């Protein structure tokens, strides 16, 4: 029986980049993808209109939905929504590709062709490992990320090569118990996922990706994030079980939900 794969694109204020992301979905990429959902996290720009126009003018060779979160859930909250959508929809795997065109789905395709994804709970794109390519990324930020990767590797007892890029793939088997639901809803979500996966002994494989920055606008406040990340790691090291069971969200959400704005069913 053919496996069923969902790809979701979190979108927040990236109207300039989102069409370039959608251009990536040629026949080769879509031969592995059963459905794409674009989750608009209450953007304040014209991204939703840009996507609507794009879908009207282009025939992406798979099913596509444009959805709007019922609240601004943050990047982590959008991931939780997509994870739930994948599990409830009977998908076997879910892929995340950020909507700001920093990564490429084609970096993952060779692993799908070889079936490598079936051997792991998750495949995580890594910007800072051998074979990766960084474009427009400062040496200072690269150094900072490598240092944090080393600290997390020591803290979790296994090698960590990226704490959260914008191209990841997860088996829905690891997501069904919703172990992640109390993790932070903001940009810290993927850091929590690394810690959670270490605790639950999920099998992880990092893979090299090309990552670029040109006209993207970063939402990361570097110093504030650096301190917060260290606190997260420290609290995990001090008491792993307490960290895993704790409520990390600023606001608990009972139901991460979205409404469908546009739905395109592919036809040859």
Foldseek 3Di string as FASTA:
>chain_A
DQAAEEEEEEDAPQLVQQVVQVVLQDPLLCVNHAEYEYEDLPHPDCNVVSVVVSVVVDFRQHKYFYWYWPHNLAQQLVVLQVLVVCVVVVGFKYKFAYRNPFFHSVLCSVCVVVVVCVVFQKEAEAQQDPPAAEAPDDPVVNVVQVVVQVVVCVLLVHGGRGQDDRIMMGGSVVPVVVLQQLAERHPCSSNVVSLVCSVVVGGYHYGHTYGYDDPDDDPDPDVVVVVVSVVLSVVCSVPVVCSSPDRHYPDRDPDGDIGTDDIDGHDD
